[in-house]
Amino acid sequence: MKDFRNRVVVVTGAGSGMGRAYALEFAGLGAKLALNDFDAEGLAETVRQLGNTSAAVFSKVFDVGDKAAMNTFADEVKAELGNAHIVINNAGVGGGGMPVWLNSDEAYERTMQINFFGVVYGTRAFLPQLLTNGEGAVVNVSSIFGLVGTPNTSDYCAAKFAVRGFTESLMVELQRSAISVHLVHPGGVKTNIAKGVEGGEEFTEKYLKTAPVDVVRQVIRGIRSGKQRIVCGHNAFPVWLASWALPLEKRNRLLYGEMKKMMEPDHYKVLDQPKD
């Protein structure tokens, strides 16, 4: 798909960051927009900014981890704007920010429900509309943490690895169709993904450097060209390279060395056991 004029573009997590950037960029390309976020104020601000464009906009506040709400959203989008053409499953949360032995069951469940099942529900709710159109694109947002495991992010990494597996399977299943499937692995993008997570401010300052619009424009180029894996953003390329080029043991040592300053000493005291 190369021309987005009058095409219906669905964006989850559109209340800030990359989601808002997707909305603004596609509006500039003449698309109709169906937007979601859990944050009512953030979503309202995105809609307000879109008032400077001529884009038709339908928005709704709900949790993407709620399957029934997602299915209702898909029905409402069809009624308001027509069948979706592009679905961007972008919504996500940062996870619990603790090592495995301190992270809570609730953190794992919440992170998986939003970051993984939100992608599954969004894909499945809108895919019938794309199939009816006979064209379209599904864009599922993983992360560079869907390429390598990093400390204090086991719930987040698990969800993003799951998005990767789900999306790569979908790519093969739709190989004969006119629907393109794209898997995005953003690196350090300036968003509020780490807000409220322990150590999040330091993580944001050190790693989240790429403007959301820069990633969004690369994704749009990827949709136009049919590129299935899109790796972009701060530190994304070296992480992708390390994910397949280095032996796991060496890669883990490098990751430990890079991130050990962000590993809260009190959380790791349990590992300081006397050696025989």
C-alpha atoms as a PDB file:
ATOM      1  CA  MET A   1       0.000   0.000   0.000  1.00  0.00           C
ATOM      2  CA  LYS A   2       1.484   3.323  -1.080  1.00  0.00           C
ATOM      3  CA  ASP A   3      -1.398   5.806  -1.098  1.00  0.00           C
ATOM      4  CA  PHE A   4      -3.102   6.504   2.248  1.00  0.00           C
ATOM      5  CA  ARG A   5      -5.667   9.066   1.094  1.00  0.00           C
ATOM      6  CA  ASN A   6      -9.121   8.215   2.435  1.00  0.00           C
ATOM      7  CA  ARG A   7      -7.779   4.994   3.920  1.00  0.00           C
ATOM      8  CA  VAL A   8      -8.877   4.172   7.477  1.00  0.00           C
ATOM      9  CA  VAL A   9      -5.899   3.904   9.821  1.00  0.00           C
ATOM     10  CA  VAL A  10      -6.394   2.448  13.308  1.00  0.00           C
ATOM     11  CA  VAL A  11      -3.854   3.469  15.957  1.00  0.00           C
ATOM     12  CA  THR A  12      -3.895   2.164  19.530  1.00  0.00           C
ATOM     13  CA  GLY A  13      -2.067   4.064  22.236  1.00  0.00           C
ATOM     14  CA  ALA A  14      -2.626   7.306  20.313  1.00  0.00           C
ATOM     15  CA  GLY A  15      -2.666   9.541  23.374  1.00  0.00           C
ATOM     16  CA  SER A  16       1.075  10.238  23.402  1.00  0.00           C
ATOM     17  CA  GLY A  17       4.477   9.326  21.974  1.00  0.00           C
ATOM     18  CA  MET A  18       4.607   7.222  18.843  1.00  0.00           C
ATOM     19  CA  GLY A  19       0.832   6.752  18.803  1.00  0.00           C
ATOM     20  CA  ARG A  20       0.235  10.490  18.554  1.00  0.00           C
ATOM     21  CA  ALA A  21       2.980  10.770  15.939  1.00  0.00           C
ATOM     22  CA  TYR A  22       1.322   8.037  13.835  1.00  0.00           C
ATOM     23  CA  ALA A  23      -1.978   9.917  14.001  1.00  0.00           C
ATOM     24  CA  LEU A  24      -0.471  13.248  12.966  1.00  0.00           C
ATOM     25  CA  GLU A  25       1.631  11.779  10.158  1.00  0.00           C
ATOM     26  CA  PHE A  26      -1.203   9.764   8.633  1.00  0.00           C
ATOM     27  CA  ALA A  27      -3.525  12.768   8.911  1.00  0.00           C
ATOM     28  CA  GLY A  28      -1.024  14.707   6.827  1.00  0.00           C
ATOM     29  CA  LEU A  29      -1.173  11.926   4.235  1.00  0.00           C
ATOM     30  CA  GLY A  30      -4.931  12.213   3.898  1.00  0.00           C
ATOM     31  CA  ALA A  31      -6.013   9.202   5.977  1.00  0.00           C
ATOM     32  CA  LYS A  32      -9.086   8.793   8.149  1.00  0.00           C
ATOM     33  CA  LEU A  33      -8.191   7.987  11.738  1.00  0.00           C
ATOM     34  CA  ALA A  34      -9.591   5.609  14.355  1.00  0.00           C
ATOM     35  CA  LEU A  35      -7.758   6.252  17.606  1.00  0.00           C
ATOM     36  CA  ASN A  36      -7.624   4.587  21.003  1.00  0.00           C
ATOM     37  CA  ASP A  37      -5.945   5.194  24.321  1.00  0.00           C
ATOM     38  CA  PHE A  38      -6.581   4.364  27.974  1.00  0.00           C
ATOM     39  CA  ASP A  39      -5.574   7.927  28.902  1.00  0.00           C
ATOM     40  CA  ALA A  40      -8.611  10.095  28.173  1.00  0.00           C
ATOM     41  CA  GLU A  41      -6.733  13.394  28.545  1.00  0.00           C
ATOM     42  CA  GLY A  42      -3.888  12.286  26.301  1.00  0.00           C
ATOM     43  CA  LEU A  43      -6.256  11.044  23.620  1.00  0.00           C
ATOM     44  CA  ALA A  44      -8.269  14.272  23.780  1.00  0.00           C
ATOM     45  CA  GLU A  45      -5.051  16.243  23.257  1.00  0.00           C
ATOM     46  CA  THR A  46      -4.194  14.184  20.179  1.00  0.00           C
ATOM     47  CA  VAL A  47      -7.679  14.804  18.780  1.00  0.00           C
ATOM     48  CA  ARG A  48      -7.284  18.523  19.542  1.00  0.00           C
ATOM     49  CA  GLN A  49      -4.007  18.644  17.596  1.00  0.00           C
ATOM     50  CA  LEU A  50      -5.688  16.873  14.692  1.00  0.00           C
ATOM     51  CA  GLY A  51      -8.168  19.747  14.581  1.00  0.00           C
ATOM     52  CA  ASN A  52      -5.549  21.592  12.571  1.00  0.00           C
ATOM     53  CA  THR A  53      -5.922  18.984   9.814  1.00  0.00           C
ATOM     54  CA  SER A  54      -8.812  17.943   7.587  1.00  0.00           C
ATOM     55  CA  ALA A  55      -8.720  14.330   8.797  1.00  0.00           C
ATOM     56  CA  ALA A  56     -11.897  12.528   9.802  1.00  0.00           C
ATOM     57  CA  VAL A  57     -11.337  11.231  13.331  1.00  0.00           C
ATOM     58  CA  PHE A  58     -13.110   8.675  15.510  1.00  0.00           C
ATOM     59  CA  SER A  59     -11.664   8.127  18.993  1.00  0.00           C
ATOM     60  CA  LYS A  60     -12.506   5.969  21.968  1.00  0.00           C
ATOM     61  CA  VAL A  61     -11.042   5.497  25.441  1.00  0.00           C
ATOM     62  CA  PHE A  62     -10.618   1.872  26.540  1.00  0.00           C
ATOM     63  CA  ASP A  63      -8.047  -0.716  27.619  1.00  0.00           C
ATOM     64  CA  VAL A  64      -6.670  -2.690  24.667  1.00  0.00           C
ATOM     65  CA  GLY A  65      -6.395  -5.701  26.978  1.00  0.00           C
ATOM     66  CA  ASP A  66     -10.209  -5.829  27.092  1.00  0.00           C
ATOM     67  CA  LYS A  67     -11.208  -8.142  24.232  1.00  0.00           C
ATOM     68  CA  ALA A  68     -14.878  -7.177  24.242  1.00  0.00           C
ATOM     69  CA  ALA A  69     -14.029  -3.465  24.161  1.00  0.00           C
ATOM     70  CA  MET A  70     -11.662  -4.015  21.220  1.00  0.00           C
ATOM     71  CA  ASN A  71     -14.290  -5.937  19.255  1.00  0.00           C
ATOM     72  CA  THR A  72     -16.845  -3.200  19.935  1.00  0.00           C
ATOM     73  CA  PHE A  73     -14.305  -0.590  18.798  1.00  0.00           C
ATOM     74  CA  ALA A  74     -13.816  -2.458  15.514  1.00  0.00           C
ATOM     75  CA  ASP A  75     -17.572  -2.501  14.901  1.00  0.00           C
ATOM     76  CA  GLU A  76     -17.852   1.208  15.698  1.00  0.00           C
ATOM     77  CA  VAL A  77     -14.939   2.122  13.424  1.00  0.00           C
ATOM     78  CA  LYS A  78     -16.605   0.290  10.545  1.00  0.00           C
ATOM     79  CA  ALA A  79     -19.884   2.093  11.205  1.00  0.00           C
ATOM     80  CA  GLU A  80     -18.275   5.535  11.545  1.00  0.00           C
ATOM     81  CA  LEU A  81     -15.480   5.472   8.963  1.00  0.00           C
ATOM     82  CA  GLY A  82     -15.779   2.246   6.979  1.00  0.00           C
ATOM     83  CA  ASN A  83     -13.531  -0.815   6.955  1.00  0.00           C
ATOM     84  CA  ALA A  84     -10.035  -0.371   8.358  1.00  0.00           C
ATOM     85  CA  HIS A  85      -7.121  -0.517   5.930  1.00  0.00           C
ATOM     86  CA  ILE A  86      -4.147  -0.183   8.283  1.00  0.00           C
ATOM     87  CA  VAL A  87      -4.029  -1.371  11.894  1.00  0.00           C
ATOM     88  CA  ILE A  88      -1.180  -0.163  14.084  1.00  0.00           C
ATOM     89  CA  ASN A  89      -1.103  -2.073  17.379  1.00  0.00           C
ATOM     90  CA  ASN A  90       1.063   0.403  19.226  1.00  0.00           C
ATOM     91  CA  ALA A  91      -0.338   0.595  22.788  1.00  0.00           C
ATOM     92  CA  GLY A  92       1.923  -0.653  25.556  1.00  0.00           C
ATOM     93  CA  VAL A  93       3.112  -0.267  29.147  1.00  0.00           C
ATOM     94  CA  GLY A  94       6.573  -0.485  30.639  1.00  0.00           C
ATOM     95  CA  GLY A  95       6.273  -3.423  33.026  1.00  0.00           C
ATOM     96  CA  GLY A  96       7.122  -3.835  36.677  1.00  0.00           C
ATOM     97  CA  GLY A  97      10.798  -2.864  36.510  1.00  0.00           C
ATOM     98  CA  MET A  98      11.987  -5.538  38.963  1.00  0.00           C
ATOM     99  CA  PRO A  99      14.116  -8.686  38.735  1.00  0.00           C
ATOM    100  CA  VAL A 100      12.187 -11.925  38.355  1.00  0.00           C
ATOM    101  CA  TRP A 101      12.253 -12.829  42.046  1.00  0.00           C
ATOM    102  CA  LEU A 102      10.801  -9.444  43.089  1.00  0.00           C
ATOM    103  CA  ASN A 103       8.379  -8.759  40.248  1.00  0.00           C
ATOM    104  CA  SER A 104       4.751  -9.424  41.104  1.00  0.00           C
ATOM    105  CA  ASP A 105       2.356 -11.854  39.456  1.00  0.00           C
ATOM    106  CA  GLU A 106       0.126  -8.845  38.811  1.00  0.00           C
ATOM    107  CA  ALA A 107       2.918  -7.084  36.868  1.00  0.00           C
ATOM    108  CA  TYR A 108       3.409 -10.107  34.615  1.00  0.00           C
ATOM    109  CA  GLU A 109      -0.317 -10.471  34.019  1.00  0.00           C
ATOM    110  CA  ARG A 110      -0.926  -6.774  33.342  1.00  0.00           C
ATOM    111  CA  THR A 111       2.071  -6.409  31.026  1.00  0.00           C
ATOM    112  CA  MET A 112       1.161  -9.508  29.030  1.00  0.00           C
ATOM    113  CA  GLN A 113      -2.521  -8.517  28.843  1.00  0.00           C
ATOM    114  CA  ILE A 114      -1.781  -5.084  27.396  1.00  0.00           C
ATOM    115  CA  ASN A 115       1.467  -5.566  25.459  1.00  0.00           C
ATOM    116  CA  PHE A 116       0.716  -8.997  23.996  1.00  0.00           C
ATOM    117  CA  PHE A 117      -2.990  -9.714  24.152  1.00  0.00           C
ATOM    118  CA  GLY A 118      -3.756  -6.115  23.183  1.00  0.00           C
ATOM    119  CA  VAL A 119      -1.878  -6.806  19.935  1.00  0.00           C
ATOM    120  CA  VAL A 120      -3.676 -10.129  19.438  1.00  0.00           C
ATOM    121  CA  TYR A 121      -7.096  -8.589  20.084  1.00  0.00           C
ATOM    122  CA  GLY A 122      -6.413  -5.609  17.820  1.00  0.00           C
ATOM    123  CA  THR A 123      -5.185  -7.808  14.992  1.00  0.00           C
ATOM    124  CA  ARG A 124      -8.066 -10.272  15.228  1.00  0.00           C
ATOM    125  CA  ALA A 125     -10.770  -7.621  15.624  1.00  0.00           C
ATOM    126  CA  PHE A 126      -9.773  -5.714  12.482  1.00  0.00           C
ATOM    127  CA  LEU A 127      -8.313  -8.454  10.260  1.00  0.00           C
ATOM    128  CA  PRO A 128     -11.734  -9.445   8.850  1.00  0.00           C
ATOM    129  CA  GLN A 129     -12.161  -5.859   7.621  1.00  0.00           C
ATOM    130  CA  LEU A 130      -8.789  -5.947   5.864  1.00  0.00           C
ATOM    131  CA  LEU A 131      -9.625  -9.307   4.299  1.00  0.00           C
ATOM    132  CA  THR A 132     -12.940  -7.920   3.059  1.00  0.00           C
ATOM    133  CA  ASN A 133     -11.102  -4.972   1.499  1.00  0.00           C
ATOM    134  CA  GLY A 134      -8.658  -7.292  -0.233  1.00  0.00           C
ATOM    135  CA  GLU A 135      -5.806  -5.026   0.834  1.00  0.00           C
ATOM    136  CA  GLY A 136      -4.305  -3.584   3.972  1.00  0.00           C
ATOM    137  CA  ALA A 137      -1.468  -3.619   6.462  1.00  0.00           C
ATOM    138  CA  VAL A 138      -1.035  -4.848  10.027  1.00  0.00           C
ATOM    139  CA  VAL A 139       1.722  -3.128  12.009  1.00  0.00           C
ATOM    140  CA  ASN A 140       2.573  -4.741  15.344  1.00  0.00           C
ATOM    141  CA  VAL A 141       4.969  -2.912  17.636  1.00  0.00           C
ATOM    142  CA  SER A 142       7.454  -5.100  19.477  1.00  0.00           C
ATOM    143  CA  SER A 143      10.713  -3.578  20.757  1.00  0.00           C
ATOM    144  CA  ILE A 144      14.453  -4.157  20.692  1.00  0.00           C
ATOM    145  CA  PHE A 145      13.573  -5.910  23.958  1.00  0.00           C
ATOM    146  CA  GLY A 146      11.767  -8.377  21.740  1.00  0.00           C
ATOM    147  CA  LEU A 147      15.199  -9.239  20.327  1.00  0.00           C
ATOM    148  CA  VAL A 148      17.232  -9.615  23.535  1.00  0.00           C
ATOM    149  CA  GLY A 149      16.430 -10.122  27.211  1.00  0.00           C
ATOM    150  CA  THR A 150      17.491  -7.346  29.570  1.00  0.00           C
ATOM    151  CA  PRO A 151      17.564  -7.081  33.378  1.00  0.00           C
ATOM    152  CA  ASN A 152      14.505  -5.922  35.320  1.00  0.00           C
ATOM    153  CA  THR A 153      12.306  -6.255  32.211  1.00  0.00           C
ATOM    154  CA  SER A 154      11.395  -9.939  32.100  1.00  0.00           C
ATOM    155  CA  ASP A 155       7.657  -9.209  31.901  1.00  0.00           C
ATOM    156  CA  TYR A 156       8.141  -6.573  29.198  1.00  0.00           C
ATOM    157  CA  CYS A 157      10.593  -8.737  27.222  1.00  0.00           C
ATOM    158  CA  ALA A 158       8.298 -11.762  27.461  1.00  0.00           C
ATOM    159  CA  ALA A 159       5.409  -9.763  26.001  1.00  0.00           C
ATOM    160  CA  LYS A 160       7.506  -8.225  23.231  1.00  0.00           C
ATOM    161  CA  PHE A 161       9.032 -11.605  22.290  1.00  0.00           C
ATOM    162  CA  ALA A 162       5.480 -12.950  22.167  1.00  0.00           C
ATOM    163  CA  VAL A 163       4.443 -10.120  19.821  1.00  0.00           C
ATOM    164  CA  ARG A 164       7.356 -11.076  17.612  1.00  0.00           C
ATOM    165  CA  GLY A 165       6.346 -14.747  17.430  1.00  0.00           C
ATOM    166  CA  PHE A 166       2.672 -13.948  16.850  1.00  0.00           C
ATOM    167  CA  THR A 167       3.473 -11.472  14.091  1.00  0.00           C
ATOM    168  CA  GLU A 168       6.025 -13.632  12.303  1.00  0.00           C
ATOM    169  CA  SER A 169       3.461 -16.449  12.194  1.00  0.00           C
ATOM    170  CA  LEU A 170       0.871 -14.046  10.785  1.00  0.00           C
ATOM    171  CA  MET A 171       3.343 -12.994   8.094  1.00  0.00           C
ATOM    172  CA  VAL A 172       3.561 -16.557   6.838  1.00  0.00           C
ATOM    173  CA  GLU A 173      -0.186 -17.150   7.065  1.00  0.00           C
ATOM    174  CA  LEU A 174      -0.927 -14.057   4.952  1.00  0.00           C
ATOM    175  CA  GLN A 175       1.854 -14.682   2.434  1.00  0.00           C
ATOM    176  CA  ARG A 176      -0.616 -15.272  -0.419  1.00  0.00           C
ATOM    177  CA  SER A 177      -2.783 -12.279   0.443  1.00  0.00           C
ATOM    178  CA  ALA A 178      -2.616  -8.584  -0.451  1.00  0.00           C
ATOM    179  CA  ILE A 179      -2.281  -7.741   3.252  1.00  0.00           C
ATOM    180  CA  SER A 180       1.216  -6.820   4.367  1.00  0.00           C
ATOM    181  CA  VAL A 181       2.365  -7.536   7.915  1.00  0.00           C
ATOM    182  CA  HIS A 182       5.056  -5.467   9.604  1.00  0.00           C
ATOM    183  CA  LEU A 183       6.934  -6.089  12.843  1.00  0.00           C
ATOM    184  CA  VAL A 184       8.485  -2.996  14.414  1.00  0.00           C
ATOM    185  CA  HIS A 185      11.403  -3.199  16.858  1.00  0.00           C
ATOM    186  CA  PRO A 186      11.914   0.388  18.077  1.00  0.00           C
ATOM    187  CA  GLY A 187      15.041   1.259  19.979  1.00  0.00           C
ATOM    188  CA  GLY A 188      15.247   4.113  22.457  1.00  0.00           C
ATOM    189  CA  VAL A 189      12.342   6.394  21.532  1.00  0.00           C
ATOM    190  CA  LYS A 190      11.439   9.502  23.558  1.00  0.00           C
ATOM    191  CA  THR A 191       8.139   8.348  25.050  1.00  0.00           C
ATOM    192  CA  ASN A 192       6.718   7.993  28.559  1.00  0.00           C
ATOM    193  CA  ILE A 193       6.975   4.171  28.453  1.00  0.00           C
ATOM    194  CA  ALA A 194       9.270   4.090  31.513  1.00  0.00           C
ATOM    195  CA  LYS A 195       7.242   6.603  33.520  1.00  0.00           C
ATOM    196  CA  GLY A 196       6.456   5.311  36.997  1.00  0.00           C
ATOM    197  CA  VAL A 197       8.862   2.360  36.746  1.00  0.00           C
ATOM    198  CA  GLU A 198      11.670   2.174  39.313  1.00  0.00           C
ATOM    199  CA  GLY A 199      14.804   3.558  37.660  1.00  0.00           C
ATOM    200  CA  GLY A 200      12.668   4.876  34.816  1.00  0.00           C
ATOM    201  CA  GLU A 201      14.044   8.429  34.899  1.00  0.00           C
ATOM    202  CA  GLU A 202      17.637   7.243  34.581  1.00  0.00           C
ATOM    203  CA  PHE A 203      16.662   4.759  31.869  1.00  0.00           C
ATOM    204  CA  THR A 204      14.809   7.467  29.939  1.00  0.00           C
ATOM    205  CA  GLU A 205      17.704   9.911  30.128  1.00  0.00           C
ATOM    206  CA  LYS A 206      20.309   7.359  29.049  1.00  0.00           C
ATOM    207  CA  TYR A 207      18.494   5.368  26.389  1.00  0.00           C
ATOM    208  CA  LEU A 208      15.347   7.098  25.080  1.00  0.00           C
ATOM    209  CA  LYS A 209      16.719   9.583  22.554  1.00  0.00           C
ATOM    210  CA  THR A 210      14.954   9.174  19.180  1.00  0.00           C
ATOM    211  CA  ALA A 211      12.013  11.448  18.338  1.00  0.00           C
ATOM    212  CA  PRO A 212       8.793   9.422  17.838  1.00  0.00           C
ATOM    213  CA  VAL A 213       8.146  10.986  14.433  1.00  0.00           C
ATOM    214  CA  ASP A 214      11.473   9.631  13.130  1.00  0.00           C
ATOM    215  CA  VAL A 215      10.383   6.063  13.889  1.00  0.00           C
ATOM    216  CA  VAL A 216       6.889   6.663  12.508  1.00  0.00           C
ATOM    217  CA  ARG A 217       8.270   7.893   9.188  1.00  0.00           C
ATOM    218  CA  GLN A 218      10.444   4.813   8.887  1.00  0.00           C
ATOM    219  CA  VAL A 219       7.407   2.615   9.547  1.00  0.00           C
ATOM    220  CA  ILE A 220       5.416   4.425   6.863  1.00  0.00           C
ATOM    221  CA  ARG A 221       8.261   3.874   4.417  1.00  0.00           C
ATOM    222  CA  GLY A 222       8.239   0.218   5.455  1.00  0.00           C
ATOM    223  CA  ILE A 223       4.513  -0.098   4.737  1.00  0.00           C
ATOM    224  CA  ARG A 224       5.001   1.442   1.317  1.00  0.00           C
ATOM    225  CA  SER A 225       7.932  -0.815   0.443  1.00  0.00           C
ATOM    226  CA  GLY A 226       6.535  -3.987   2.043  1.00  0.00           C
ATOM    227  CA  LYS A 227       9.422  -4.323   4.492  1.00  0.00           C
ATOM    228  CA  GLN A 228       8.354  -6.813   7.129  1.00  0.00           C
ATOM    229  CA  ARG A 229      10.892  -6.242   9.928  1.00  0.00           C
ATOM    230  CA  ILE A 230      11.548  -2.616  10.813  1.00  0.00           C
ATOM    231  CA  VAL A 231      14.379  -2.023  13.293  1.00  0.00           C
ATOM    232  CA  CYS A 232      14.902   1.646  14.086  1.00  0.00           C
ATOM    233  CA  GLY A 233      15.620   4.122  16.845  1.00  0.00           C
ATOM    234  CA  HIS A 234      18.486   4.750  19.256  1.00  0.00           C
ATOM    235  CA  ASN A 235      20.776   1.696  19.676  1.00  0.00           C
ATOM    236  CA  ALA A 236      18.373  -0.479  17.661  1.00  0.00           C
ATOM    237  CA  PHE A 237      20.840  -1.620  15.013  1.00  0.00           C
ATOM    238  CA  PRO A 238      23.630  -2.776  17.379  1.00  0.00           C
ATOM    239  CA  VAL A 239      21.091  -4.626  19.535  1.00  0.00           C
ATOM    240  CA  TRP A 240      19.606  -6.324  16.452  1.00  0.00           C
ATOM    241  CA  LEU A 241      23.105  -7.245  15.282  1.00  0.00           C
ATOM    242  CA  ALA A 242      24.024  -8.673  18.682  1.00  0.00           C
ATOM    243  CA  SER A 243      20.753 -10.637  18.808  1.00  0.00           C
ATOM    244  CA  TRP A 244      21.867 -12.957  16.016  1.00  0.00           C
ATOM    245  CA  ALA A 245      25.617 -12.430  15.554  1.00  0.00           C
ATOM    246  CA  LEU A 246      26.894 -13.027  19.087  1.00  0.00           C
ATOM    247  CA  PRO A 247      26.862 -16.226  21.148  1.00  0.00           C
ATOM    248  CA  LEU A 248      24.265 -15.935  23.887  1.00  0.00           C
ATOM    249  CA  GLU A 249      26.850 -16.110  26.684  1.00  0.00           C
ATOM    250  CA  LYS A 250      28.876 -13.220  25.257  1.00  0.00           C
ATOM    251  CA  ARG A 251      25.790 -11.167  24.542  1.00  0.00           C
ATOM    252  CA  ASN A 252      24.551 -11.590  28.100  1.00  0.00           C
ATOM    253  CA  ARG A 253      27.901 -10.490  29.515  1.00  0.00           C
ATOM    254  CA  LEU A 254      27.818  -7.381  27.335  1.00  0.00           C
ATOM    255  CA  LEU A 255      24.263  -6.558  28.372  1.00  0.00           C
ATOM    256  CA  TYR A 256      25.153  -7.016  32.024  1.00  0.00           C
ATOM    257  CA  GLY A 257      28.135  -4.693  31.676  1.00  0.00           C
ATOM    258  CA  GLU A 258      26.041  -2.074  29.897  1.00  0.00           C
ATOM    259  CA  MET A 259      23.116  -2.090  32.319  1.00  0.00           C
ATOM    260  CA  LYS A 260      24.557  -3.146  35.688  1.00  0.00           C
ATOM    261  CA  LYS A 261      24.583   0.439  36.984  1.00  0.00           C
ATOM    262  CA  MET A 262      20.804   0.446  36.669  1.00  0.00           C
ATOM    263  CA  MET A 263      20.385  -2.771  38.657  1.00  0.00           C
ATOM    264  CA  GLU A 264      19.402  -1.653  42.167  1.00  0.00           C
ATOM    265  CA  PRO A 265      21.976  -3.195  44.585  1.00  0.00           C
ATOM    266  CA  ASP A 266      19.381  -3.983  47.255  1.00  0.00           C
ATOM    267  CA  HIS A 267      17.401  -6.047  44.754  1.00  0.00           C
ATOM    268  CA  TYR A 268      20.416  -8.228  44.014  1.00  0.00           C
ATOM    269  CA  LYS A 269      21.688  -8.875  47.547  1.00  0.00           C
ATOM    270  CA  VAL A 270      20.153 -12.331  47.411  1.00  0.00           C
ATOM    271  CA  LEU A 271      22.828 -13.221  44.838  1.00  0.00           C
ATOM    272  CA  ASP A 272      25.725 -12.275  47.123  1.00  0.00           C
ATOM    273  CA  GLN A 273      26.192 -15.716  48.615  1.00  0.00           C
ATOM    274  CA  PRO A 274      29.519 -17.047  49.900  1.00  0.00           C
ATOM    275  CA  LYS A 275      31.388 -19.239  47.439  1.00  0.00           C
ATOM    276  CA  ASP A 276      32.675 -22.673  48.484  1.00  0.00           C
END
